[in-house]
C-alpha atoms as a PDB file:
ATOM      1  CA  MET A   1     109.149 -87.153  29.987  1.00  0.00           C
ATOM      2  CA  GLN A   2     105.754 -88.626  29.177  1.00  0.00           C
ATOM      3  CA  ALA A   3     102.786 -87.336  27.193  1.00  0.00           C
ATOM      4  CA  ILE A   4      99.193 -88.505  27.544  1.00  0.00           C
ATOM      5  CA  PHE A   5      96.864 -87.821  24.595  1.00  0.00           C
ATOM      6  CA  VAL A   6      93.070 -87.852  24.736  1.00  0.00           C
ATOM      7  CA  HIS A   7      91.171 -87.640  21.439  1.00  0.00           C
ATOM      8  CA  GLY A   8      88.034 -85.732  20.546  1.00  0.00           C
ATOM      9  CA  MET A   9      84.455 -86.951  20.309  1.00  0.00           C
ATOM     10  CA  GLY A  10      83.814 -89.331  17.442  1.00  0.00           C
ATOM     11  CA  ARG A  11      87.521 -89.979  16.978  1.00  0.00           C
ATOM     12  CA  SER A  12      89.889 -92.612  18.358  1.00  0.00           C
ATOM     13  CA  PRO A  13      93.472 -92.653  19.703  1.00  0.00           C
ATOM     14  CA  ILE A  14      94.562 -93.239  16.100  1.00  0.00           C
ATOM     15  CA  SER A  15      93.743 -89.580  15.397  1.00  0.00           C
ATOM     16  CA  GLY A  16      96.800 -88.634  17.438  1.00  0.00           C
ATOM     17  CA  TRP A  17      99.266 -91.123  15.997  1.00  0.00           C
ATOM     18  CA  GLN A  18     101.214 -88.554  13.952  1.00  0.00           C
ATOM     19  CA  LEU A  19     101.545 -86.245  16.923  1.00  0.00           C
ATOM     20  CA  MET A  20     102.587 -89.094  19.189  1.00  0.00           C
ATOM     21  CA  ALA A  21     105.095 -90.364  16.623  1.00  0.00           C
ATOM     22  CA  ARG A  22     106.721 -86.924  16.400  1.00  0.00           C
ATOM     23  CA  LEU A  23     106.990 -86.755  20.176  1.00  0.00           C
ATOM     24  CA  ARG A  24     108.524 -90.220  20.366  1.00  0.00           C
ATOM     25  CA  THR A  25     111.312 -89.185  17.972  1.00  0.00           C
ATOM     26  CA  GLN A  26     112.413 -86.820  20.744  1.00  0.00           C
ATOM     27  CA  GLY A  27     112.438 -89.542  23.378  1.00  0.00           C
ATOM     28  CA  ILE A  28     109.052 -88.728  24.879  1.00  0.00           C
ATOM     29  CA  ARG A  29     107.036 -91.739  26.031  1.00  0.00           C
ATOM     30  CA  THR A  30     103.487 -91.476  24.743  1.00  0.00           C
ATOM     31  CA  HIS A  31     100.208 -92.861  26.046  1.00  0.00           C
ATOM     32  CA  ALA A  32      96.591 -92.472  24.974  1.00  0.00           C
ATOM     33  CA  LEU A  33      93.144 -93.064  26.384  1.00  0.00           C
ATOM     34  CA  GLY A  34      90.359 -94.348  24.173  1.00  0.00           C
ATOM     35  CA  TYR A  35      86.669 -93.889  24.848  1.00  0.00           C
ATOM     36  CA  ALA A  36      83.268 -93.971  23.132  1.00  0.00           C
ATOM     37  CA  ALA A  37      81.049 -91.031  24.031  1.00  0.00           C
ATOM     38  CA  THR A  38      78.027 -92.840  22.587  1.00  0.00           C
ATOM     39  CA  PHE A  39      78.168 -95.528  25.251  1.00  0.00           C
ATOM     40  CA  GLN A  40      80.006 -93.961  28.198  1.00  0.00           C
ATOM     41  CA  SER A  41      79.108 -91.061  30.470  1.00  0.00           C
ATOM     42  CA  PHE A  42      81.470 -88.145  30.916  1.00  0.00           C
ATOM     43  CA  VAL A  43      82.125 -89.104  34.538  1.00  0.00           C
ATOM     44  CA  SER A  44      82.927 -92.735  33.701  1.00  0.00           C
ATOM     45  CA  ILE A  45      85.454 -91.686  31.046  1.00  0.00           C
ATOM     46  CA  ARG A  46      86.940 -89.068  33.355  1.00  0.00           C
ATOM     47  CA  ASN A  47      87.347 -91.603  36.170  1.00  0.00           C
ATOM     48  CA  ARG A  48      89.260 -93.963  33.885  1.00  0.00           C
ATOM     49  CA  LEU A  49      91.440 -91.035  32.871  1.00  0.00           C
ATOM     50  CA  ILE A  50      92.089 -90.103  36.498  1.00  0.00           C
ATOM     51  CA  ALA A  51      93.289 -93.659  37.188  1.00  0.00           C
ATOM     52  CA  LYS A  52      95.547 -93.604  34.116  1.00  0.00           C
ATOM     53  CA  ILE A  53      97.102 -90.246  34.985  1.00  0.00           C
ATOM     54  CA  HIS A  54      97.583 -91.256  38.615  1.00  0.00           C
ATOM     55  CA  ALA A  55      99.377 -94.472  37.608  1.00  0.00           C
ATOM     56  CA  LEU A  56     101.604 -92.866  34.988  1.00  0.00           C
ATOM     57  CA  SER A  57     102.506 -89.887  37.180  1.00  0.00           C
ATOM     58  CA  ALA A  58     104.577 -92.264  39.317  1.00  0.00           C
ATOM     59  CA  ASN A  59     106.918 -92.745  36.339  1.00  0.00           C
ATOM     60  CA  GLY A  60     108.112 -89.132  36.194  1.00  0.00           C
ATOM     61  CA  ASP A  61     107.259 -85.786  34.617  1.00  0.00           C
ATOM     62  CA  TYR A  62     104.401 -85.685  32.137  1.00  0.00           C
ATOM     63  CA  VAL A  63     102.303 -83.360  30.003  1.00  0.00           C
ATOM     64  CA  LEU A  64      98.691 -83.732  28.919  1.00  0.00           C
ATOM     65  CA  ILE A  65      97.368 -83.152  25.393  1.00  0.00           C
ATOM     66  CA  GLY A  66      93.654 -83.036  24.685  1.00  0.00           C
ATOM     67  CA  HIS A  67      91.869 -82.537  21.381  1.00  0.00           C
ATOM     68  CA  SER A  68      88.367 -81.025  21.604  1.00  0.00           C
ATOM     69  CA  LEU A  69      86.339 -83.001  24.171  1.00  0.00           C
ATOM     70  CA  GLY A  70      89.605 -84.677  25.166  1.00  0.00           C
ATOM     71  CA  GLY A  71      90.804 -81.390  26.616  1.00  0.00           C
ATOM     72  CA  VAL A  72      87.598 -81.006  28.636  1.00  0.00           C
ATOM     73  CA  LEU A  73      88.097 -84.505  30.026  1.00  0.00           C
ATOM     74  CA  LEU A  74      91.707 -83.727  30.917  1.00  0.00           C
ATOM     75  CA  ARG A  75      90.840 -80.541  32.767  1.00  0.00           C
ATOM     76  CA  SER A  76      88.145 -82.334  34.745  1.00  0.00           C
ATOM     77  CA  ALA A  77      90.485 -85.237  35.520  1.00  0.00           C
ATOM     78  CA  VAL A  78      93.298 -82.995  36.760  1.00  0.00           C
ATOM     79  CA  ALA A  79      90.860 -81.190  39.042  1.00  0.00           C
ATOM     80  CA  SER A  80      89.903 -84.562  40.571  1.00  0.00           C
ATOM     81  CA  LEU A  81      93.280 -86.275  40.936  1.00  0.00           C
ATOM     82  CA  PRO A  82      93.832 -88.033  44.275  1.00  0.00           C
ATOM     83  CA  PRO A  83      95.699 -85.934  46.864  1.00  0.00           C
ATOM     84  CA  GLY A  84      99.443 -86.201  46.470  1.00  0.00           C
ATOM     85  CA  THR A  85      99.344 -87.066  42.767  1.00  0.00           C
ATOM     86  CA  PRO A  86     102.091 -85.150  40.923  1.00  0.00           C
ATOM     87  CA  LEU A  87     100.502 -82.603  38.610  1.00  0.00           C
ATOM     88  CA  PRO A  88     101.370 -82.411  34.902  1.00  0.00           C
ATOM     89  CA  ARG A  89     104.066 -79.994  33.902  1.00  0.00           C
ATOM     90  CA  GLN A  90     101.737 -78.475  31.303  1.00  0.00           C
ATOM     91  CA  ILE A  91      98.404 -79.005  29.563  1.00  0.00           C
ATOM     92  CA  PHE A  92      97.975 -78.513  25.814  1.00  0.00           C
ATOM     93  CA  LEU A  93      94.431 -77.957  24.561  1.00  0.00           C
ATOM     94  CA  LEU A  94      93.839 -78.457  20.835  1.00  0.00           C
ATOM     95  CA  GLY A  95      90.608 -76.802  19.722  1.00  0.00           C
ATOM     96  CA  SER A  96      89.131 -77.629  23.104  1.00  0.00           C
ATOM     97  CA  PRO A  97      86.120 -75.616  24.297  1.00  0.00           C
ATOM     98  CA  ILE A  98      86.229 -73.857  27.641  1.00  0.00           C
ATOM     99  CA  GLN A  99      82.836 -72.249  27.119  1.00  0.00           C
ATOM    100  CA  PRO A 100      79.704 -74.206  26.105  1.00  0.00           C
ATOM    101  CA  SER A 101      79.822 -75.380  22.497  1.00  0.00           C
ATOM    102  CA  HIS A 102      77.711 -73.456  19.980  1.00  0.00           C
ATOM    103  CA  PHE A 103      76.946 -76.580  17.978  1.00  0.00           C
ATOM    104  CA  ALA A 104      76.194 -78.703  21.048  1.00  0.00           C
ATOM    105  CA  ARG A 105      73.714 -76.083  22.280  1.00  0.00           C
ATOM    106  CA  LYS A 106      72.026 -76.032  18.870  1.00  0.00           C
ATOM    107  CA  LEU A 107      71.760 -79.809  18.701  1.00  0.00           C
ATOM    108  CA  HIS A 108      71.417 -80.967  22.299  1.00  0.00           C
ATOM    109  CA  ARG A 109      67.684 -81.761  21.896  1.00  0.00           C
ATOM    110  CA  ASN A 110      68.129 -83.502  18.548  1.00  0.00           C
ATOM    111  CA  TRP A 111      67.552 -87.234  18.963  1.00  0.00           C
ATOM    112  CA  LEU A 112      70.429 -88.251  16.705  1.00  0.00           C
ATOM    113  CA  PHE A 113      72.898 -85.973  18.477  1.00  0.00           C
ATOM    114  CA  ARG A 114      71.687 -87.256  21.836  1.00  0.00           C
ATOM    115  CA  ALA A 115      72.149 -90.839  20.680  1.00  0.00           C
ATOM    116  CA  LEU A 116      75.612 -90.358  19.203  1.00  0.00           C
ATOM    117  CA  ALA A 117      77.126 -87.787  21.566  1.00  0.00           C
ATOM    118  CA  GLY A 118      75.523 -89.132  24.737  1.00  0.00           C
ATOM    119  CA  ASP A 119      76.148 -87.491  28.079  1.00  0.00           C
ATOM    120  CA  CYS A 120      79.338 -85.863  26.800  1.00  0.00           C
ATOM    121  CA  GLY A 121      77.367 -83.951  24.185  1.00  0.00           C
ATOM    122  CA  GLN A 122      74.946 -82.740  26.847  1.00  0.00           C
ATOM    123  CA  LEU A 123      77.846 -81.556  28.992  1.00  0.00           C
ATOM    124  CA  LEU A 124      79.283 -79.536  26.103  1.00  0.00           C
ATOM    125  CA  ALA A 125      75.906 -77.808  25.747  1.00  0.00           C
ATOM    126  CA  SER A 126      75.551 -76.993  29.441  1.00  0.00           C
ATOM    127  CA  SER A 127      76.816 -73.681  30.810  1.00  0.00           C
ATOM    128  CA  ALA A 128      76.609 -74.981  34.374  1.00  0.00           C
ATOM    129  CA  ARG A 129      78.463 -78.257  33.753  1.00  0.00           C
ATOM    130  CA  MET A 130      81.192 -76.610  31.685  1.00  0.00           C
ATOM    131  CA  ALA A 131      81.687 -73.866  34.291  1.00  0.00           C
ATOM    132  CA  ALA A 132      81.868 -76.447  37.081  1.00  0.00           C
ATOM    133  CA  ILE A 133      85.065 -77.916  35.600  1.00  0.00           C
ATOM    134  CA  GLY A 134      86.866 -74.666  36.355  1.00  0.00           C
ATOM    135  CA  PRO A 135      90.359 -73.457  35.472  1.00  0.00           C
ATOM    136  CA  ALA A 136      93.259 -75.847  35.062  1.00  0.00           C
ATOM    137  CA  ARG A 137      95.675 -75.864  37.994  1.00  0.00           C
ATOM    138  CA  VAL A 138      98.793 -75.950  35.819  1.00  0.00           C
ATOM    139  CA  PRO A 139     100.197 -73.834  32.951  1.00  0.00           C
ATOM    140  CA  THR A 140      97.958 -74.292  29.932  1.00  0.00           C
ATOM    141  CA  THR A 141      98.570 -73.629  26.241  1.00  0.00           C
ATOM    142  CA  SER A 142      95.524 -73.440  23.988  1.00  0.00           C
ATOM    143  CA  ILE A 143      96.161 -74.087  20.297  1.00  0.00           C
ATOM    144  CA  VAL A 144      93.226 -72.846  18.255  1.00  0.00           C
ATOM    145  CA  GLY A 145      92.492 -73.453  14.575  1.00  0.00           C
ATOM    146  CA  VAL A 146      91.229 -70.466  12.573  1.00  0.00           C
ATOM    147  CA  LEU A 147      90.645 -71.967   9.120  1.00  0.00           C
ATOM    148  CA  GLY A 148      86.923 -72.500   9.544  1.00  0.00           C
ATOM    149  CA  TRP A 149      83.729 -70.706   8.537  1.00  0.00           C
ATOM    150  CA  THR A 150      83.971 -67.179   7.125  1.00  0.00           C
ATOM    151  CA  GLY A 151      81.646 -64.534   5.725  1.00  0.00           C
ATOM    152  CA  TRP A 152      77.888 -64.943   5.787  1.00  0.00           C
ATOM    153  CA  LEU A 153      78.209 -68.697   6.284  1.00  0.00           C
ATOM    154  CA  ASN A 154      79.943 -68.226   9.637  1.00  0.00           C
ATOM    155  CA  PRO A 155      77.613 -69.503  12.404  1.00  0.00           C
ATOM    156  CA  PHE A 156      79.868 -68.017  15.101  1.00  0.00           C
ATOM    157  CA  GLN A 157      78.754 -64.396  14.555  1.00  0.00           C
ATOM    158  CA  GLY A 158      81.937 -63.579  12.690  1.00  0.00           C
ATOM    159  CA  ASP A 159      84.282 -65.086  15.285  1.00  0.00           C
ATOM    160  CA  LEU A 160      87.394 -66.900  14.073  1.00  0.00           C
ATOM    161  CA  ASN A 161      86.906 -70.665  14.256  1.00  0.00           C
ATOM    162  CA  ASP A 162      88.159 -74.074  13.136  1.00  0.00           C
ATOM    163  CA  GLY A 163      84.802 -75.157  11.746  1.00  0.00           C
ATOM    164  CA  ILE A 164      83.641 -76.746  15.006  1.00  0.00           C
ATOM    165  CA  VAL A 165      84.981 -74.613  17.855  1.00  0.00           C
ATOM    166  CA  SER A 166      85.328 -70.824  17.818  1.00  0.00           C
ATOM    167  CA  ALA A 167      88.258 -68.894  19.219  1.00  0.00           C
ATOM    168  CA  SER A 168      85.978 -67.420  21.888  1.00  0.00           C
ATOM    169  CA  GLU A 169      84.784 -70.852  22.985  1.00  0.00           C
ATOM    170  CA  ALA A 170      88.395 -71.966  23.433  1.00  0.00           C
ATOM    171  CA  SER A 171      89.429 -68.878  25.408  1.00  0.00           C
ATOM    172  CA  ALA A 172      89.530 -68.064  29.120  1.00  0.00           C
ATOM    173  CA  GLU A 173      91.372 -65.578  31.308  1.00  0.00           C
ATOM    174  CA  TRP A 174      93.277 -68.340  33.102  1.00  0.00           C
ATOM    175  CA  ILE A 175      94.811 -69.779  29.915  1.00  0.00           C
ATOM    176  CA  ALA A 176      98.456 -68.776  30.017  1.00  0.00           C
ATOM    177  CA  GLU A 177      99.138 -68.941  26.281  1.00  0.00           C
ATOM    178  CA  GLU A 178      96.867 -68.983  23.227  1.00  0.00           C
ATOM    179  CA  ILE A 179      98.239 -69.767  19.771  1.00  0.00           C
ATOM    180  CA  ARG A 180      96.138 -69.504  16.627  1.00  0.00           C
ATOM    181  CA  ILE A 181      97.103 -71.444  13.525  1.00  0.00           C
ATOM    182  CA  PRO A 182      95.487 -71.920  10.065  1.00  0.00           C
ATOM    183  CA  VAL A 183      93.991 -75.408  10.361  1.00  0.00           C
ATOM    184  CA  ILE A 184      90.520 -76.941  10.683  1.00  0.00           C
ATOM    185  CA  HIS A 185      89.336 -78.779  13.776  1.00  0.00           C
ATOM    186  CA  THR A 186      89.826 -82.351  12.577  1.00  0.00           C
ATOM    187  CA  TYR A 187      93.462 -81.851  11.598  1.00  0.00           C
ATOM    188  CA  LEU A 188      94.720 -80.150  14.747  1.00  0.00           C
ATOM    189  CA  PRO A 189      96.319 -83.327  16.183  1.00  0.00           C
ATOM    190  CA  SER A 190      97.994 -84.240  12.882  1.00  0.00           C
ATOM    191  CA  LYS A 191      99.290 -80.778  11.965  1.00  0.00           C
ATOM    192  CA  SER A 192     103.097 -80.805  12.097  1.00  0.00           C
ATOM    193  CA  GLY A 193     103.121 -77.248  13.414  1.00  0.00           C
ATOM    194  CA  VAL A 194     101.108 -78.327  16.447  1.00  0.00           C
ATOM    195  CA  ALA A 195     103.642 -81.034  17.289  1.00  0.00           C
ATOM    196  CA  GLN A 196     106.431 -78.485  16.899  1.00  0.00           C
ATOM    197  CA  ILE A 197     104.750 -76.051  19.300  1.00  0.00           C
ATOM    198  CA  ILE A 198     104.322 -78.787  21.892  1.00  0.00           C
ATOM    199  CA  LEU A 199     107.886 -80.051  21.481  1.00  0.00           C
ATOM    200  CA  GLU A 200     109.323 -76.566  21.829  1.00  0.00           C
ATOM    201  CA  ARG A 201     107.518 -76.056  25.116  1.00  0.00           C
ATOM    202  CA  ILE A 202     108.418 -79.479  26.464  1.00  0.00           C
ATOM    203  CA  THR A 203     112.107 -79.209  25.634  1.00  0.00           C
ATOM    204  CA  ASN A 204     112.437 -75.495  26.469  1.00  0.00           C
ATOM    205  CA  PRO A 205     109.881 -74.781  29.182  1.00  0.00           C
ATOM    206  CA  ARG A 206     108.679 -71.189  29.302  1.00  0.00           C
ATOM    207  CA  ASN A 207     107.469 -69.279  32.302  1.00  0.00           C
ATOM    208  CA  ILE A 208     103.847 -68.990  31.200  1.00  0.00           C
ATOM    209  CA  ALA A 209     102.207 -69.696  34.536  1.00  0.00           C
END
């Protein structure tokens, strides 16, 4: 079994090292894709990811794990895999928006956000571009943090959130399983409970299709 991890915007593959280390203790071969949203378009990153998934899929079963923007990239890549490419057994989304991002929509015209987040930030703010990615074609588990803003400070109109992504933004009818845990956005990949959830579903697959 293999696992491919894709990090969130502004992070690096190092953000997933604890998760990957926990998976490796169970004999799972781990891989990661690095990118820089500031300098690369969404499509260019996705195309590199498609090539990586296609190559690794020849080595046997695999799952995909995406944190935040990483999950959006994974869903887009899976939808565009070359014909005949074996599909992943499962996709795990960690605080990954399915709907347009509240913060991206608020900031998408801000010059600093545009400079730092690049085309990826504009995609997260676009209803049309996010909708065009569509549902994942394989069983998907969404792990959502709920230790974010509360009370009158909550910018998500009272919705549970991880500080960056709300539960509603990470939800869709086609998601087979949604799990909410008390953690903020940044720490989703390093939370031991997240690794445990993923390991349980890899080693004891459930019928969640």
